[in-house]
PDB file of N, CA and C in Angstrom:
ATOM      1  N   MET A   1      85.084 101.447 128.169  1.00  0.00           N
ATOM      2  CA  MET A   1      86.381 101.474 127.530  1.00  0.00           C
ATOM      3  C   MET A   1      86.502 100.236 126.650  1.00  0.00           C
ATOM      4  N   THR A   2      87.048 100.391 125.484  1.00  0.00           N
ATOM      5  CA  THR A   2      87.165  99.266 124.558  1.00  0.00           C
ATOM      6  C   THR A   2      88.309  98.350 124.958  1.00  0.00           C
ATOM      7  N   ASP A   3      88.293  97.154 124.411  1.00  0.00           N
ATOM      8  CA  ASP A   3      89.366  96.203 124.698  1.00  0.00           C
ATOM      9  C   ASP A   3      90.713  96.700 124.195  1.00  0.00           C
ATOM     10  N   VAL A   4      90.700  97.401 123.064  1.00  0.00           N
ATOM     11  CA  VAL A   4      91.943  97.932 122.512  1.00  0.00           C
ATOM     12  C   VAL A   4      92.539  98.950 123.455  1.00  0.00           C
ATOM     13  N   ALA A   5      91.702  99.858 123.974  1.00  0.00           N
ATOM     14  CA  ALA A   5      92.195 100.872 124.904  1.00  0.00           C
ATOM     15  C   ALA A   5      92.668 100.229 126.196  1.00  0.00           C
ATOM     16  N   THR A   6      91.957  99.208 126.670  1.00  0.00           N
ATOM     17  CA  THR A   6      92.357  98.528 127.902  1.00  0.00           C
ATOM     18  C   THR A   6      93.683  97.825 127.728  1.00  0.00           C
ATOM     19  N   ALA A   7      93.870  97.130 126.619  1.00  0.00           N
ATOM     20  CA  ALA A   7      95.126  96.415 126.385  1.00  0.00           C
ATOM     21  C   ALA A   7      96.289  97.381 126.252  1.00  0.00           C
ATOM     22  N   THR A   8      96.056  98.499 125.574  1.00  0.00           N
ATOM     23  CA  THR A   8      97.115  99.482 125.394  1.00  0.00           C
ATOM     24  C   THR A   8      97.446 100.156 126.719  1.00  0.00           C
ATOM     25  N   ARG A   9      96.420 100.458 127.505  1.00  0.00           N
ATOM     26  CA  ARG A   9      96.641 101.118 128.795  1.00  0.00           C
ATOM     27  C   ARG A   9      97.429 100.226 129.742  1.00  0.00           C
ATOM     28  N   ARG A  10      97.235  98.925 129.674  1.00  0.00           N
ATOM     29  CA  ARG A  10      97.937  97.994 130.557  1.00  0.00           C
ATOM     30  C   ARG A  10      99.333  97.667 130.060  1.00  0.00           C
ATOM     31  N   GLY A  11      99.732  98.241 128.945  1.00  0.00           N
ATOM     32  CA  GLY A  11     101.084  98.020 128.453  1.00  0.00           C
ATOM     33  C   GLY A  11     101.179  96.876 127.463  1.00  0.00           C
ATOM     34  N   GLY A  12     100.049  96.253 127.125  1.00  0.00           N
ATOM     35  CA  GLY A  12     100.055  95.159 126.160  1.00  0.00           C
ATOM     36  C   GLY A  12      99.908  95.685 124.752  1.00  0.00           C
ATOM     37  N   THR A  13      99.939  94.767 123.824  1.00  0.00           N
ATOM     38  CA  THR A  13      99.732  95.164 122.444  1.00  0.00           C
ATOM     39  C   THR A  13      98.304  94.838 122.066  1.00  0.00           C
ATOM     40  N   ALA A  14      97.682  95.700 121.346  1.00  0.00           N
ATOM     41  CA  ALA A  14      96.297  95.513 120.943  1.00  0.00           C
ATOM     42  C   ALA A  14      96.255  94.997 119.508  1.00  0.00           C
ATOM     43  N   THR A  15      95.612  93.863 119.306  1.00  0.00           N
ATOM     44  CA  THR A  15      95.436  93.338 117.961  1.00  0.00           C
ATOM     45  C   THR A  15      93.967  93.054 117.741  1.00  0.00           C
ATOM     46  N   THR A  16      93.543  93.117 116.519  1.00  0.00           N
ATOM     47  CA  THR A  16      92.166  92.793 116.192  1.00  0.00           C
ATOM     48  C   THR A  16      92.091  91.336 115.773  1.00  0.00           C
ATOM     49  N   ARG A  17      90.878  90.796 115.775  1.00  0.00           N
ATOM     50  CA  ARG A  17      90.705  89.395 115.396  1.00  0.00           C
ATOM     51  C   ARG A  17      91.150  89.203 113.950  1.00  0.00           C
ATOM     52  N   GLY A  18      91.970  88.215 113.732  1.00  0.00           N
ATOM     53  CA  GLY A  18      92.421  87.923 112.389  1.00  0.00           C
ATOM     54  C   GLY A  18      93.717  88.620 112.010  1.00  0.00           C
ATOM     55  N   SER A  19      94.212  89.515 112.844  1.00  0.00           N
ATOM     56  CA  SER A  19      95.467  90.165 112.511  1.00  0.00           C
ATOM     57  C   SER A  19      96.618  89.388 113.119  1.00  0.00           C
ATOM     58  N   TYR A  20      97.710  89.364 112.419  1.00  0.00           N
ATOM     59  CA  TYR A  20      98.868  88.635 112.896  1.00  0.00           C
ATOM     60  C   TYR A  20     100.103  89.269 112.270  1.00  0.00           C
ATOM     61  N   PRO A  21     101.235  89.128 112.918  1.00  0.00           N
ATOM     62  CA  PRO A  21     102.443  89.712 112.343  1.00  0.00           C
ATOM     63  C   PRO A  21     102.873  88.931 111.109  1.00  0.00           C
ATOM     64  N   ARG A  22     103.292  89.624 110.082  1.00  0.00           N
ATOM     65  CA  ARG A  22     103.779  88.970 108.880  1.00  0.00           C
ATOM     66  C   ARG A  22     104.860  89.829 108.257  1.00  0.00           C
ATOM     67  N   GLU A  23     105.615  89.209 107.381  1.00  0.00           N
ATOM     68  CA  GLU A  23     106.685  89.935 106.730  1.00  0.00           C
ATOM     69  C   GLU A  23     106.104  90.976 105.790  1.00  0.00           C
ATOM     70  N   SER A  24     106.828  92.049 105.593  1.00  0.00           N
ATOM     71  CA  SER A  24     106.328  93.097 104.714  1.00  0.00           C
ATOM     72  C   SER A  24     106.300  92.585 103.276  1.00  0.00           C
ATOM     73  N   GLY A  25     105.210  92.884 102.599  1.00  0.00           N
ATOM     74  CA  GLY A  25     105.081  92.483 101.209  1.00  0.00           C
ATOM     75  C   GLY A  25     104.507  91.096 101.014  1.00  0.00           C
ATOM     76  N   SER A  26     104.399  90.296 102.067  1.00  0.00           N
ATOM     77  CA  SER A  26     103.848  88.959 101.893  1.00  0.00           C
ATOM     78  C   SER A  26     102.366  88.963 102.224  1.00  0.00           C
ATOM     79  N   THR A  27     101.600  88.245 101.452  1.00  0.00           N
ATOM     80  CA  THR A  27     100.174  88.117 101.712  1.00  0.00           C
ATOM     81  C   THR A  27      99.853  86.648 101.911  1.00  0.00           C
ATOM     82  N   PRO A  28      99.036  86.324 102.899  1.00  0.00           N
ATOM     83  CA  PRO A  28      98.708  84.923 103.131  1.00  0.00           C
ATOM     84  C   PRO A  28      97.820  84.388 102.018  1.00  0.00           C
ATOM     85  N   ASP A  29      98.037  83.141 101.631  1.00  0.00           N
ATOM     86  CA  ASP A  29      97.196  82.543 100.602  1.00  0.00           C
ATOM     87  C   ASP A  29      96.038  81.799 101.257  1.00  0.00           C
ATOM     88  N   ALA A  30      95.125  81.293 100.442  1.00  0.00           N
ATOM     89  CA  ALA A  30      93.930  80.618 100.955  1.00  0.00           C
ATOM     90  C   ALA A  30      94.279  79.353 101.725  1.00  0.00           C
ATOM     91  N   ALA A  31      95.375  78.684 101.358  1.00  0.00           N
ATOM     92  CA  ALA A  31      95.748  77.438 102.028  1.00  0.00           C
ATOM     93  C   ALA A  31      96.139  77.675 103.483  1.00  0.00           C
ATOM     94  N   THR A  32      96.748  78.809 103.785  1.00  0.00           N
ATOM     95  CA  THR A  32      97.135  79.075 105.167  1.00  0.00           C
ATOM     96  C   THR A  32      96.039  79.792 105.935  1.00  0.00           C
ATOM     97  N   THR A  33      95.250  80.611 105.255  1.00  0.00           N
ATOM     98  CA  THR A  33      94.187  81.351 105.921  1.00  0.00           C
ATOM     99  C   THR A  33      92.964  80.477 106.160  1.00  0.00           C
ATOM    100  N   PHE A  34      92.627  79.632 105.207  1.00  0.00           N
ATOM    101  CA  PHE A  34      91.466  78.746 105.292  1.00  0.00           C
ATOM    102  C   PHE A  34      91.930  77.302 105.104  1.00  0.00           C
ATOM    103  N   PRO A  35      92.431  76.668 106.169  1.00  0.00           N
ATOM    104  CA  PRO A  35      93.054  75.343 106.035  1.00  0.00           C
ATOM    105  C   PRO A  35      92.083  74.165 105.997  1.00  0.00           C
ATOM    106  N   TYR A  36      90.787  74.406 106.098  1.00  0.00           N
ATOM    107  CA  TYR A  36      89.799  73.323 106.081  1.00  0.00           C
ATOM    108  C   TYR A  36      88.916  73.432 104.850  1.00  0.00           C
ATOM    109  N   TYR A  37      88.132  72.381 104.586  1.00  0.00           N
ATOM    110  CA  TYR A  37      87.129  72.440 103.533  1.00  0.00           C
ATOM    111  C   TYR A  37      85.845  71.782 104.013  1.00  0.00           C
ATOM    112  N   TRP A  38      84.721  72.213 103.447  1.00  0.00           N
ATOM    113  CA  TRP A  38      83.397  71.706 103.796  1.00  0.00           C
ATOM    114  C   TRP A  38      83.199  70.398 103.051  1.00  0.00           C
ATOM    115  N   ARG A  39      82.877  69.305 103.764  1.00  0.00           N
ATOM    116  CA  ARG A  39      82.921  68.000 103.139  1.00  0.00           C
ATOM    117  C   ARG A  39      81.578  67.293 102.984  1.00  0.00           C
ATOM    118  N   VAL A  40      80.469  67.900 103.343  1.00  0.00           N
ATOM    119  CA  VAL A  40      79.180  67.210 103.256  1.00  0.00           C
ATOM    120  C   VAL A  40      78.265  67.885 102.244  1.00  0.00           C
ATOM    121  N   ARG A  41      77.388  67.085 101.651  1.00  0.00           N
ATOM    122  CA  ARG A  41      76.410  67.614 100.695  1.00  0.00           C
ATOM    123  C   ARG A  41      75.018  67.716 101.301  1.00  0.00           C
ATOM    124  N   THR A  42      74.771  67.046 102.425  1.00  0.00           N
ATOM    125  CA  THR A  42      73.430  67.037 102.990  1.00  0.00           C
ATOM    126  C   THR A  42      73.061  68.369 103.622  1.00  0.00           C
ATOM    127  N   ARG A  43      74.003  69.049 104.217  1.00  0.00           N
ATOM    128  CA  ARG A  43      73.773  70.373 104.794  1.00  0.00           C
ATOM    129  C   ARG A  43      74.607  71.377 104.025  1.00  0.00           C
ATOM    130  N   LEU A  44      73.990  72.419 103.547  1.00  0.00           N
ATOM    131  CA  LEU A  44      74.643  73.438 102.711  1.00  0.00           C
ATOM    132  C   LEU A  44      75.327  72.802 101.498  1.00  0.00           C
ATOM    133  N   PRO A  45      74.564  72.145 100.617  1.00  0.00           N
ATOM    134  CA  PRO A  45      75.188  71.466  99.480  1.00  0.00           C
ATOM    135  C   PRO A  45      75.914  72.418  98.529  1.00  0.00           C
ATOM    136  N   GLU A  46      75.520  73.687  98.506  1.00  0.00           N
ATOM    137  CA  GLU A  46      76.205  74.647  97.635  1.00  0.00           C
ATOM    138  C   GLU A  46      77.606  74.978  98.145  1.00  0.00           C
ATOM    139  N   ARG A  47      77.903  74.629  99.392  1.00  0.00           N
ATOM    140  CA  ARG A  47      79.218  74.890  99.987  1.00  0.00           C
ATOM    141  C   ARG A  47      80.178  73.711  99.851  1.00  0.00           C
ATOM    142  N   PHE A  48      79.745  72.616  99.266  1.00  0.00           N
ATOM    143  CA  PHE A  48      80.570  71.405  99.177  1.00  0.00           C
ATOM    144  C   PHE A  48      81.918  71.718  98.526  1.00  0.00           C
ATOM    145  N   GLY A  49      83.005  71.384  99.219  1.00  0.00           N
ATOM    146  CA  GLY A  49      84.353  71.594  98.706  1.00  0.00           C
ATOM    147  C   GLY A  49      84.918  72.984  98.921  1.00  0.00           C
ATOM    148  N   GLN A  50      84.146  73.915  99.466  1.00  0.00           N
ATOM    149  CA  GLN A  50      84.650  75.275  99.679  1.00  0.00           C
ATOM    150  C   GLN A  50      85.586  75.320 100.883  1.00  0.00           C
ATOM    151  N   ARG A  51      86.575  76.175 100.788  1.00  0.00           N
ATOM    152  CA  ARG A  51      87.540  76.327 101.878  1.00  0.00           C
ATOM    153  C   ARG A  51      86.925  77.137 103.012  1.00  0.00           C
ATOM    154  N   CYS A  52      87.334  76.798 104.235  1.00  0.00           N
ATOM    155  CA  CYS A  52      86.829  77.487 105.418  1.00  0.00           C
ATOM    156  C   CYS A  52      87.870  77.397 106.526  1.00  0.00           C
ATOM    157  N   ARG A  53      87.566  78.053 107.633  1.00  0.00           N
ATOM    158  CA  ARG A  53      88.436  77.951 108.815  1.00  0.00           C
ATOM    159  C   ARG A  53      87.563  77.797 110.045  1.00  0.00           C
ATOM    160  N   VAL A  54      88.100  77.112 111.041  1.00  0.00           N
ATOM    161  CA  VAL A  54      87.389  76.899 112.299  1.00  0.00           C
ATOM    162  C   VAL A  54      87.788  78.015 113.243  1.00  0.00           C
ATOM    163  N   LEU A  55      86.804  78.790 113.688  1.00  0.00           N
ATOM    164  CA  LEU A  55      87.085  79.911 114.588  1.00  0.00           C
ATOM    165  C   LEU A  55      87.134  79.466 116.036  1.00  0.00           C
ATOM    166  N   CYS A  56      86.208  78.584 116.430  1.00  0.00           N
ATOM    167  CA  CYS A  56      86.231  78.070 117.793  1.00  0.00           C
ATOM    168  C   CYS A  56      85.557  76.707 117.834  1.00  0.00           C
ATOM    169  N   ARG A  57      85.949  75.916 118.799  1.00  0.00           N
ATOM    170  CA  ARG A  57      85.364  74.601 118.993  1.00  0.00           C
ATOM    171  C   ARG A  57      84.563  74.625 120.280  1.00  0.00           C
ATOM    172  N   GLY A  58      83.431  73.937 120.258  1.00  0.00           N
ATOM    173  CA  GLY A  58      82.562  73.934 121.421  1.00  0.00           C
ATOM    174  C   GLY A  58      82.349  72.539 121.965  1.00  0.00           C
ATOM    175  N   ALA A  59      81.400  72.438 122.881  1.00  0.00           N
ATOM    176  CA  ALA A  59      81.061  71.156 123.485  1.00  0.00           C
ATOM    177  C   ALA A  59      80.296  70.305 122.477  1.00  0.00           C
ATOM    178  N   MET A  60      80.230  69.040 122.734  1.00  0.00           N
ATOM    179  CA  MET A  60      79.467  68.092 121.920  1.00  0.00           C
ATOM    180  C   MET A  60      79.908  68.097 120.457  1.00  0.00           C
ATOM    181  N   ASN A  61      81.198  68.238 120.225  1.00  0.00           N
ATOM    182  CA  ASN A  61      81.789  68.139 118.896  1.00  0.00           C
ATOM    183  C   ASN A  61      81.266  69.207 117.930  1.00  0.00           C
ATOM    184  N   SER A  62      81.020  70.412 118.411  1.00  0.00           N
ATOM    185  CA  SER A  62      80.537  71.490 117.549  1.00  0.00           C
ATOM    186  C   SER A  62      81.649  72.506 117.313  1.00  0.00           C
ATOM    187  N   CYS A  63      81.475  73.328 116.286  1.00  0.00           N
ATOM    188  CA  CYS A  63      82.448  74.368 115.983  1.00  0.00           C
ATOM    189  C   CYS A  63      81.769  75.486 115.196  1.00  0.00           C
ATOM    190  N   VAL A  64      82.410  76.645 115.183  1.00  0.00           N
ATOM    191  CA  VAL A  64      81.966  77.766 114.363  1.00  0.00           C
ATOM    192  C   VAL A  64      82.944  77.872 113.206  1.00  0.00           C
ATOM    193  N   VAL A  65      82.398  77.856 111.989  1.00  0.00           N
ATOM    194  CA  VAL A  65      83.187  77.846 110.767  1.00  0.00           C
ATOM    195  C   VAL A  65      82.941  79.147 110.017  1.00  0.00           C
ATOM    196  N   GLU A  66      84.006  79.711 109.448  1.00  0.00           N
ATOM    197  CA  GLU A  66      83.879  80.895 108.588  1.00  0.00           C
ATOM    198  C   GLU A  66      84.357  80.527 107.197  1.00  0.00           C
ATOM    199  N   PHE A  67      83.540  80.840 106.188  1.00  0.00           N
ATOM    200  CA  PHE A  67      83.911  80.604 104.797  1.00  0.00           C
ATOM    201  C   PHE A  67      84.649  81.807 104.250  1.00  0.00           C
ATOM    202  N   GLU A  68      85.227  81.642 103.074  1.00  0.00           N
ATOM    203  CA  GLU A  68      86.015  82.716 102.461  1.00  0.00           C
ATOM    204  C   GLU A  68      85.197  83.968 102.170  1.00  0.00           C
ATOM    205  N   ASP A  69      83.889  83.817 101.955  1.00  0.00           N
ATOM    206  CA  ASP A  69      83.059  84.983 101.671  1.00  0.00           C
ATOM    207  C   ASP A  69      82.491  85.628 102.930  1.00  0.00           C
ATOM    208  N   GLY A  70      82.901  85.159 104.116  1.00  0.00           N
ATOM    209  CA  GLY A  70      82.520  85.801 105.369  1.00  0.00           C
ATOM    210  C   GLY A  70      81.302  85.223 106.054  1.00  0.00           C
ATOM    211  N   VAL A  71      80.731  84.137 105.547  1.00  0.00           N
ATOM    212  CA  VAL A  71      79.552  83.516 106.147  1.00  0.00           C
ATOM    213  C   VAL A  71      79.989  82.636 107.318  1.00  0.00           C
ATOM    214  N   PHE A  72      79.291  82.752 108.457  1.00  0.00           N
ATOM    215  CA  PHE A  72      79.575  81.962 109.647  1.00  0.00           C
ATOM    216  C   PHE A  72      78.520  80.873 109.802  1.00  0.00           C
ATOM    217  N   VAL A  73      78.944  79.667 110.216  1.00  0.00           N
ATOM    218  CA  VAL A  73      78.036  78.543 110.425  1.00  0.00           C
ATOM    219  C   VAL A  73      78.465  77.815 111.690  1.00  0.00           C
ATOM    220  N   CYS A  74      77.496  77.511 112.549  1.00  0.00           N
ATOM    221  CA  CYS A  74      77.762  76.666 113.707  1.00  0.00           C
ATOM    222  C   CYS A  74      77.361  75.251 113.308  1.00  0.00           C
ATOM    223  N   THR A  75      78.294  74.322 113.371  1.00  0.00           N
ATOM    224  CA  THR A  75      78.054  72.994 112.824  1.00  0.00           C
ATOM    225  C   THR A  75      78.847  71.936 113.585  1.00  0.00           C
ATOM    226  N   SER A  76      78.706  70.698 113.153  1.00  0.00           N
ATOM    227  CA  SER A  76      79.466  69.596 113.723  1.00  0.00           C
ATOM    228  C   SER A  76      80.887  69.614 113.160  1.00  0.00           C
ATOM    229  N   ARG A  77      81.842  69.177 113.958  1.00  0.00           N
ATOM    230  CA  ARG A  77      83.224  69.141 113.480  1.00  0.00           C
ATOM    231  C   ARG A  77      83.438  68.017 112.476  1.00  0.00           C
ATOM    232  N   TRP A  78      82.506  67.101 112.349  1.00  0.00           N
ATOM    233  CA  TRP A  78      82.594  66.050 111.329  1.00  0.00           C
ATOM    234  C   TRP A  78      82.409  66.632 109.932  1.00  0.00           C
ATOM    235  N   TYR A  79      81.840  67.825 109.822  1.00  0.00           N
ATOM    236  CA  TYR A  79      81.515  68.400 108.528  1.00  0.00           C
ATOM    237  C   TYR A  79      82.698  69.110 107.867  1.00  0.00           C
ATOM    238  N   VAL A  80      83.781  69.299 108.578  1.00  0.00           N
ATOM    239  CA  VAL A  80      84.965  69.952 108.003  1.00  0.00           C
ATOM    240  C   VAL A  80      86.159  69.013 108.129  1.00  0.00           C
ATOM    241  N   ARG A  81      87.051  69.121 107.164  1.00  0.00           N
ATOM    242  CA  ARG A  81      88.282  68.341 107.159  1.00  0.00           C
ATOM    243  C   ARG A  81      89.449  69.228 106.770  1.00  0.00           C
ATOM    244  N   ARG A  82      90.637  68.826 107.182  1.00  0.00           N
ATOM    245  CA  ARG A  82      91.851  69.540 106.764  1.00  0.00           C
ATOM    246  C   ARG A  82      92.032  69.390 105.267  1.00  0.00           C
ATOM    247  N   ALA A  83      92.334  70.480 104.595  1.00  0.00           N
ATOM    248  CA  ALA A  83      92.578  70.437 103.145  1.00  0.00           C
ATOM    249  C   ALA A  83      93.943  69.823 102.888  1.00  0.00           C
ATOM    250  N   PRO A  84      94.057  69.055 101.802  1.00  0.00           N
ATOM    251  CA  PRO A  84      95.364  68.424 101.480  1.00  0.00           C
ATOM    252  C   PRO A  84      96.379  69.429 100.999  1.00  0.00           C
TER     253      PRO A  84
END
């Protein structure tokens, strides 16, 4: 049984990853969807300055980052910063 069916069967609401309630007609912009940016040139220099979001944080100061084009990277949390 899928997680969606299990959540619905238990009386909860089923949502998919990345979905959230929002007002009708409003679309989230890049600043709210991707609040971080890639700040290093030594690893993935072509990504320098690109917006991203942190999906999860792990042990030893690591995190999983998703870029706007859908690429996932497991990296150090020192490599991303909050966008101004």
